[in-house]
Amino acid sequence: MVETFFLWLAAALGAVARLGGVLQGGTPPLALALFAAGWLLGATHPDGAWRRALALGLSVPLAHAVARLTHSVLPYATPSFAIACLAVIPAALGTLVGVASRRVWTGASGDARRG
């Protein structure tokens, strides 16, 4: 149940990140938003973080696929569908950094209690 919630949360954060990228006008804000959302998800729920990284990163190409199927015009230009799939990279990196920071933080707080 919790895993499903975090997968849906990842997809929703990906959609919000894509909207932010559209409003800010480019790829760097989108990459930063995906990285930040991945970090948040990885730090709060590190178990199975790779699933959330995929859900988060693949929400961008999914939006492109839905737009193509519905013959909608996207408010931004993307040279190809393959480039949209590259959104998985900042999402995965953010998730990995989030998991690592969670481990560092819990390891450091655990040492402080023992010492």
Protein backbone atom coordinates (compact mmCIF):
# COMPACT_ATOMS: atom_id res chain seq x y z
CA MET A 1 0.00 0.00 0.00
CA VAL A 2 2.77 2.43 0.95
CA GLU A 3 4.78 1.45 -2.12
CA THR A 4 1.82 2.19 -4.38
CA PHE A 5 1.32 5.56 -2.74
CA PHE A 6 4.93 6.54 -3.35
CA LEU A 7 4.76 5.39 -6.98
CA TRP A 8 1.71 7.61 -7.56
CA LEU A 9 3.43 10.44 -5.70
CA ALA A 10 6.45 10.07 -7.98
CA ALA A 11 4.28 10.25 -11.08
CA ALA A 12 2.47 13.32 -9.73
CA LEU A 13 5.75 15.04 -8.87
CA GLY A 14 6.97 14.29 -12.39
CA ALA A 15 3.89 15.96 -13.84
CA VAL A 16 4.41 18.99 -11.60
CA ALA A 17 8.08 19.11 -12.60
CA ARG A 18 7.10 19.03 -16.28
CA LEU A 19 4.65 21.85 -15.72
CA GLY A 20 7.36 23.83 -13.96
CA GLY A 21 9.70 23.21 -16.87
CA VAL A 22 7.08 24.53 -19.27
CA LEU A 23 6.42 27.62 -17.18
CA GLN A 24 10.11 28.36 -16.70
CA GLY A 25 10.82 27.72 -20.36
CA GLY A 26 13.38 25.01 -20.64
CA THR A 27 15.08 21.80 -19.71
CA PRO A 28 17.30 22.97 -16.81
CA PRO A 29 14.36 23.85 -14.52
CA LEU A 30 12.77 20.50 -15.37
CA ALA A 31 15.96 18.59 -14.62
CA LEU A 32 16.37 20.43 -11.32
CA ALA A 33 12.75 19.77 -10.37
CA LEU A 34 13.09 16.07 -11.22
CA PHE A 35 16.33 15.86 -9.24
CA ALA A 36 14.74 17.58 -6.23
CA ALA A 37 11.63 15.39 -6.36
CA GLY A 38 13.83 12.30 -6.66
CA TRP A 39 15.89 13.41 -3.70
CA LEU A 40 12.76 13.93 -1.63
CA LEU A 41 11.37 10.51 -2.53
CA GLY A 42 14.70 8.74 -2.01
CA ALA A 43 15.31 10.40 1.35
CA THR A 44 11.83 9.78 2.73
CA HIS A 45 11.33 6.23 1.46
CA PRO A 46 14.63 4.60 0.41
CA ASP A 47 13.38 1.02 0.01
CA GLY A 48 12.71 0.29 -3.67
CA ALA A 49 13.78 3.79 -4.67
CA TRP A 50 14.56 2.66 -8.22
CA ARG A 51 10.83 2.18 -8.85
CA ARG A 52 10.09 5.75 -7.85
CA ALA A 53 12.98 7.02 -9.97
CA LEU A 54 11.48 5.26 -12.99
CA ALA A 55 7.96 6.50 -12.26
CA LEU A 56 9.25 10.03 -11.80
CA GLY A 57 11.46 10.07 -14.88
CA LEU A 58 9.07 8.23 -17.16
CA SER A 59 6.24 10.63 -16.39
CA VAL A 60 7.76 13.06 -18.91
CA PRO A 61 7.79 10.67 -21.90
CA LEU A 62 4.38 9.42 -20.80
CA ALA A 63 3.06 12.97 -21.13
CA HIS A 64 4.52 13.08 -24.64
CA ALA A 65 2.93 9.75 -25.56
CA VAL A 66 -0.48 10.85 -24.30
CA ALA A 67 -0.19 14.10 -26.24
CA ARG A 68 0.64 12.20 -29.41
CA LEU A 69 -2.21 9.74 -28.95
CA THR A 70 -4.72 12.51 -28.33
CA HIS A 71 -3.26 14.71 -31.09
CA SER A 72 -2.68 17.51 -28.59
CA VAL A 73 -0.15 20.24 -29.12
CA LEU A 74 2.36 20.46 -26.33
CA PRO A 75 3.23 23.93 -25.04
CA TYR A 76 6.92 23.19 -25.51
CA ALA A 77 9.04 21.72 -28.26
CA THR A 78 10.87 18.42 -27.90
CA PRO A 79 13.05 17.25 -30.78
CA SER A 80 12.22 13.57 -30.25
CA PHE A 81 10.54 11.12 -27.94
CA ALA A 82 13.94 9.60 -27.10
CA ILE A 83 15.12 12.93 -25.69
CA ALA A 84 12.06 13.03 -23.43
CA CYS A 85 13.15 9.64 -22.07
CA LEU A 86 16.35 11.26 -20.80
CA ALA A 87 14.29 12.71 -17.96
CA VAL A 88 14.97 9.43 -16.16
CA ILE A 89 18.59 10.52 -15.59
CA PRO A 90 18.05 13.50 -13.23
CA ALA A 91 15.22 11.60 -11.51
CA ALA A 92 17.47 8.60 -10.89
CA LEU A 93 20.41 10.74 -9.77
CA GLY A 94 18.20 12.66 -7.35
CA THR A 95 16.77 9.46 -5.95
CA LEU A 96 20.24 7.99 -5.45
CA VAL A 97 21.43 11.13 -3.70
CA GLY A 98 18.30 11.06 -1.53
CA VAL A 99 18.90 7.45 -0.50
CA ALA A 100 22.56 8.21 0.21
CA SER A 101 21.74 11.27 2.28
CA ARG A 102 19.17 9.25 4.24
CA ARG A 103 21.82 6.63 5.01
CA VAL A 104 24.35 9.26 6.01
CA TRP A 105 21.82 11.08 8.18
CA THR A 106 20.52 7.96 9.95
CA GLY A 107 24.05 6.61 10.33
CA ALA A 108 25.26 9.87 11.85
CA SER A 109 22.29 10.14 14.23
CA GLY A 110 22.73 6.48 15.22
CA ASP A 111 26.41 7.08 16.08
CA ALA A 112 25.52 10.12 18.17
CA ARG A 113 23.09 8.08 20.28
CA ARG A 114 25.61 5.29 20.84
CA GLY A 115 28.50 7.58 21.72
